[in-house]
C-alpha atoms as a PDB file:
ATOM      1  CA  MET A   1     -67.432 249.612 198.630  1.00  0.00           C
ATOM      2  CA  ILE A   2     -68.103 252.958 196.997  1.00  0.00           C
ATOM      3  CA  GLN A   3     -64.999 254.869 195.975  1.00  0.00           C
ATOM      4  CA  VAL A   4     -65.329 258.491 194.906  1.00  0.00           C
ATOM      5  CA  ALA A   5     -62.408 260.559 193.613  1.00  0.00           C
ATOM      6  CA  VAL A   6     -62.779 264.327 193.334  1.00  0.00           C
ATOM      7  CA  HIS A   7     -60.423 266.301 191.084  1.00  0.00           C
ATOM      8  CA  ASN A   8     -60.454 270.085 191.216  1.00  0.00           C
ATOM      9  CA  ALA A   9     -59.132 270.885 187.725  1.00  0.00           C
ATOM     10  CA  HIS A  10     -60.635 274.368 187.399  1.00  0.00           C
ATOM     11  CA  GLY A  11     -58.133 277.222 187.313  1.00  0.00           C
ATOM     12  CA  THR A  12     -59.666 279.224 190.165  1.00  0.00           C
ATOM     13  CA  ARG A  13     -62.768 277.539 191.582  1.00  0.00           C
ATOM     14  CA  ARG A  14     -62.781 274.611 193.992  1.00  0.00           C
ATOM     15  CA  VAL A  15     -65.461 272.293 195.332  1.00  0.00           C
ATOM     16  CA  GLU A  16     -65.628 270.808 198.789  1.00  0.00           C
ATOM     17  CA  ALA A  17     -64.535 267.233 198.081  1.00  0.00           C
ATOM     18  CA  ARG A  18     -66.000 265.775 201.284  1.00  0.00           C
ATOM     19  CA  ARG A  19     -69.474 267.140 200.483  1.00  0.00           C
ATOM     20  CA  ILE A  20     -69.349 265.812 196.918  1.00  0.00           C
ATOM     21  CA  ARG A  21     -68.227 262.360 198.053  1.00  0.00           C
ATOM     22  CA  THR A  22     -71.061 262.256 200.601  1.00  0.00           C
ATOM     23  CA  ILE A  23     -73.668 263.169 197.965  1.00  0.00           C
ATOM     24  CA  VAL A  24     -72.407 260.523 195.551  1.00  0.00           C
ATOM     25  CA  ARG A  25     -72.206 257.800 198.200  1.00  0.00           C
ATOM     26  CA  ARG A  26     -75.695 258.490 199.547  1.00  0.00           C
ATOM     27  CA  LEU A  27     -77.253 258.541 196.083  1.00  0.00           C
ATOM     28  CA  LEU A  28     -75.560 255.309 195.031  1.00  0.00           C
ATOM     29  CA  THR A  29     -76.528 253.616 198.298  1.00  0.00           C
ATOM     30  CA  ASP A  30     -80.153 254.752 197.896  1.00  0.00           C
ATOM     31  CA  GLU A  31     -80.130 253.380 194.349  1.00  0.00           C
ATOM     32  CA  GLY A  32     -78.967 249.998 195.679  1.00  0.00           C
ATOM     33  CA  ARG A  33     -75.455 250.280 194.280  1.00  0.00           C
ATOM     34  CA  GLY A  34     -73.035 249.206 196.975  1.00  0.00           C
ATOM     35  CA  ARG A  35     -70.047 248.819 194.681  1.00  0.00           C
ATOM     36  CA  ALA A  36     -68.864 251.759 192.625  1.00  0.00           C
ATOM     37  CA  ASN A  37     -65.807 253.623 191.478  1.00  0.00           C
ATOM     38  CA  VAL A  38     -66.661 257.162 190.403  1.00  0.00           C
ATOM     39  CA  SER A  39     -64.281 259.933 189.422  1.00  0.00           C
ATOM     40  CA  LEU A  40     -65.531 263.524 189.321  1.00  0.00           C
ATOM     41  CA  VAL A  41     -63.558 266.211 187.528  1.00  0.00           C
ATOM     42  CA  PHE A  42     -64.475 269.856 188.104  1.00  0.00           C
ATOM     43  CA  THR A  43     -63.414 271.985 185.180  1.00  0.00           C
ATOM     44  CA  GLY A  44     -64.328 275.075 183.171  1.00  0.00           C
ATOM     45  CA  ASP A  45     -65.824 276.139 179.857  1.00  0.00           C
ATOM     46  CA  ALA A  46     -62.769 275.485 177.664  1.00  0.00           C
ATOM     47  CA  LEU A  47     -62.329 271.794 178.511  1.00  0.00           C
ATOM     48  CA  SER A  48     -66.084 271.256 178.617  1.00  0.00           C
ATOM     49  CA  ARG A  49     -66.441 272.629 175.104  1.00  0.00           C
ATOM     50  CA  ARG A  50     -63.564 270.532 173.748  1.00  0.00           C
ATOM     51  CA  MET A  51     -64.946 267.354 175.305  1.00  0.00           C
ATOM     52  CA  ASN A  52     -68.519 268.070 174.227  1.00  0.00           C
ATOM     53  CA  ARG A  53     -67.309 268.619 170.666  1.00  0.00           C
ATOM     54  CA  LYS A  54     -65.138 265.494 170.662  1.00  0.00           C
ATOM     55  CA  PHE A  55     -67.549 263.046 172.305  1.00  0.00           C
ATOM     56  CA  PHE A  56     -70.992 264.453 171.476  1.00  0.00           C
ATOM     57  CA  ALA A  57     -70.398 266.586 168.353  1.00  0.00           C
ATOM     58  CA  HIS A  58     -71.784 269.721 170.069  1.00  0.00           C
ATOM     59  CA  ASP A  59     -69.553 272.760 169.693  1.00  0.00           C
ATOM     60  CA  ARG A  60     -70.419 274.426 172.994  1.00  0.00           C
ATOM     61  CA  ALA A  61     -69.648 274.137 176.665  1.00  0.00           C
ATOM     62  CA  THR A  62     -72.088 272.033 178.643  1.00  0.00           C
ATOM     63  CA  ASP A  63     -72.740 271.787 182.364  1.00  0.00           C
ATOM     64  CA  VAL A  64     -72.150 268.082 183.010  1.00  0.00           C
ATOM     65  CA  MET A  65     -70.998 265.020 181.080  1.00  0.00           C
ATOM     66  CA  SER A  66     -71.048 261.427 182.273  1.00  0.00           C
ATOM     67  CA  PHE A  67     -68.970 258.597 180.902  1.00  0.00           C
ATOM     68  CA  PRO A  68     -69.917 255.124 182.135  1.00  0.00           C
ATOM     69  CA  LEU A  69     -66.889 252.873 181.912  1.00  0.00           C
ATOM     70  CA  GLU A  70     -68.740 249.668 182.650  1.00  0.00           C
ATOM     71  CA  ILE A  71     -72.394 248.794 182.186  1.00  0.00           C
ATOM     72  CA  GLY A  72     -74.055 246.308 184.497  1.00  0.00           C
ATOM     73  CA  GLY A  73     -73.201 245.156 188.036  1.00  0.00           C
ATOM     74  CA  ASP A  74     -70.716 247.602 189.499  1.00  0.00           C
ATOM     75  CA  ILE A  75     -70.861 251.280 188.657  1.00  0.00           C
ATOM     76  CA  GLU A  76     -67.712 252.732 187.145  1.00  0.00           C
ATOM     77  CA  GLY A  77     -67.479 256.055 185.459  1.00  0.00           C
ATOM     78  CA  GLU A  78     -66.262 259.582 185.124  1.00  0.00           C
ATOM     79  CA  ILE A  79     -68.280 262.753 185.506  1.00  0.00           C
ATOM     80  CA  TYR A  80     -67.094 266.162 184.312  1.00  0.00           C
ATOM     81  CA  VAL A  81     -68.779 269.192 185.879  1.00  0.00           C
ATOM     82  CA  ASN A  82     -68.262 272.633 184.364  1.00  0.00           C
ATOM     83  CA  LEU A  83     -67.998 275.106 187.253  1.00  0.00           C
ATOM     84  CA  ASP A  84     -68.154 278.130 184.926  1.00  0.00           C
ATOM     85  CA  LYS A  85     -71.523 276.993 183.601  1.00  0.00           C
ATOM     86  CA  ALA A  86     -72.651 276.016 187.119  1.00  0.00           C
ATOM     87  CA  THR A  87     -71.846 279.547 188.301  1.00  0.00           C
ATOM     88  CA  ARG A  88     -73.981 281.104 185.564  1.00  0.00           C
ATOM     89  CA  GLN A  89     -76.835 278.661 186.197  1.00  0.00           C
ATOM     90  CA  ALA A  90     -76.727 279.313 189.949  1.00  0.00           C
ATOM     91  CA  ARG A  91     -77.280 283.019 189.262  1.00  0.00           C
ATOM     92  CA  THR A  92     -80.072 282.282 186.770  1.00  0.00           C
ATOM     93  CA  TYR A  93     -81.923 279.929 189.134  1.00  0.00           C
ATOM     94  CA  LYS A  94     -81.114 281.973 192.260  1.00  0.00           C
ATOM     95  CA  VAL A  95     -79.442 279.129 194.140  1.00  0.00           C
ATOM     96  CA  SER A  96     -75.980 278.862 195.628  1.00  0.00           C
ATOM     97  CA  LEU A  97     -73.085 277.594 193.541  1.00  0.00           C
ATOM     98  CA  ALA A  98     -72.785 274.667 195.978  1.00  0.00           C
ATOM     99  CA  ASN A  99     -76.421 273.763 195.319  1.00  0.00           C
ATOM    100  CA  GLU A 100     -76.121 273.991 191.539  1.00  0.00           C
ATOM    101  CA  THR A 101     -72.910 271.970 191.618  1.00  0.00           C
ATOM    102  CA  ALA A 102     -74.651 269.311 193.711  1.00  0.00           C
ATOM    103  CA  ARG A 103     -77.503 269.208 191.171  1.00  0.00           C
ATOM    104  CA  LEU A 104     -75.039 268.621 188.335  1.00  0.00           C
ATOM    105  CA  VAL A 105     -73.227 265.911 190.287  1.00  0.00           C
ATOM    106  CA  ILE A 106     -76.555 264.212 191.025  1.00  0.00           C
ATOM    107  CA  HIS A 107     -77.537 264.414 187.359  1.00  0.00           C
ATOM    108  CA  GLY A 108     -74.222 262.890 186.321  1.00  0.00           C
ATOM    109  CA  VAL A 109     -74.438 260.061 188.839  1.00  0.00           C
ATOM    110  CA  LEU A 110     -77.986 259.248 187.745  1.00  0.00           C
ATOM    111  CA  HIS A 111     -76.637 258.794 184.216  1.00  0.00           C
ATOM    112  CA  LEU A 112     -74.028 256.354 185.549  1.00  0.00           C
ATOM    113  CA  VAL A 113     -76.768 254.429 187.358  1.00  0.00           C
ATOM    114  CA  GLY A 114     -78.657 254.061 184.098  1.00  0.00           C
ATOM    115  CA  TYR A 115     -81.093 256.954 183.891  1.00  0.00           C
ATOM    116  CA  ASP A 116     -81.423 258.608 180.500  1.00  0.00           C
ATOM    117  CA  ASP A 117     -82.826 261.955 179.409  1.00  0.00           C
ATOM    118  CA  VAL A 118     -83.060 261.553 175.635  1.00  0.00           C
ATOM    119  CA  ALA A 119     -86.643 260.348 175.204  1.00  0.00           C
ATOM    120  CA  ALA A 120     -89.358 262.513 176.800  1.00  0.00           C
ATOM    121  CA  ALA A 121     -90.720 259.855 179.171  1.00  0.00           C
ATOM    122  CA  ALA A 122     -87.247 258.852 180.331  1.00  0.00           C
ATOM    123  CA  ALA A 123     -86.301 262.512 180.791  1.00  0.00           C
ATOM    124  CA  ARG A 124     -89.344 263.092 183.013  1.00  0.00           C
ATOM    125  CA  ARG A 125     -88.474 260.036 185.096  1.00  0.00           C
ATOM    126  CA  MET A 126     -84.870 261.174 185.448  1.00  0.00           C
ATOM    127  CA  LYS A 127     -85.875 264.761 186.314  1.00  0.00           C
ATOM    128  CA  LYS A 128     -88.227 263.495 189.020  1.00  0.00           C
ATOM    129  CA  ARG A 129     -85.443 261.418 190.530  1.00  0.00           C
ATOM    130  CA  GLU A 130     -82.995 264.318 190.247  1.00  0.00           C
ATOM    131  CA  GLU A 131     -85.410 266.620 192.097  1.00  0.00           C
ATOM    132  CA  PHE A 132     -85.842 264.005 194.816  1.00  0.00           C
ATOM    133  CA  TYR A 133     -82.099 263.806 195.414  1.00  0.00           C
ATOM    134  CA  VAL A 134     -81.522 267.545 195.138  1.00  0.00           C
ATOM    135  CA  GLY A 135     -84.144 268.096 197.819  1.00  0.00           C
ATOM    136  CA  ARG A 136     -82.652 265.400 199.982  1.00  0.00           C
ATOM    137  CA  LEU A 137     -78.927 265.940 199.482  1.00  0.00           C
ATOM    138  CA  ALA A 138     -78.194 269.387 198.073  1.00  0.00           C
ATOM    139  CA  GLY A 139     -79.177 271.735 200.867  1.00  0.00           C
ATOM    140  CA  LYS A 140     -81.681 274.351 201.831  1.00  0.00           C
ATOM    141  CA  ASP A 141     -81.802 276.433 198.634  1.00  0.00           C
ATOM    142  CA  SER A 142     -82.765 273.548 196.390  1.00  0.00           C
ATOM    143  CA  SER A 143     -85.692 275.139 194.620  1.00  0.00           C
ATOM    144  CA  GLY A 144     -86.909 273.110 191.660  1.00  0.00           C
ATOM    145  CA  ARG A 145     -86.316 274.132 188.088  1.00  0.00           C
END
């Protein structure tokens, strides 16, 4: 069973929880992960910056952070998506906020599944997979970037 919790913790912006849960479930199913417990928290710049500083030693807001809680068999983890940053990126890349948010969710889930984007070869592999899922799950304005 795949359980997906969506928490709208941003002060003014909200995501459509049903759409996010569908994206996460389809991606995990396609990746052969039938058992998962994923929590997604949608927040803003302030919390993103604090968390990025605390956990990654980067003193800036970031767009998405993934925290696997268990490695191996079942997928368990938390994903934090910064809707302020997603809004700016959507304008930059000329896509809808819903599309950019979906891209960030997909990126975060791929990290939970085991993809990594630190080394160049791994980053290319992850980006290719991300583009596949964005095209398949994110909607009509999913131009690559």
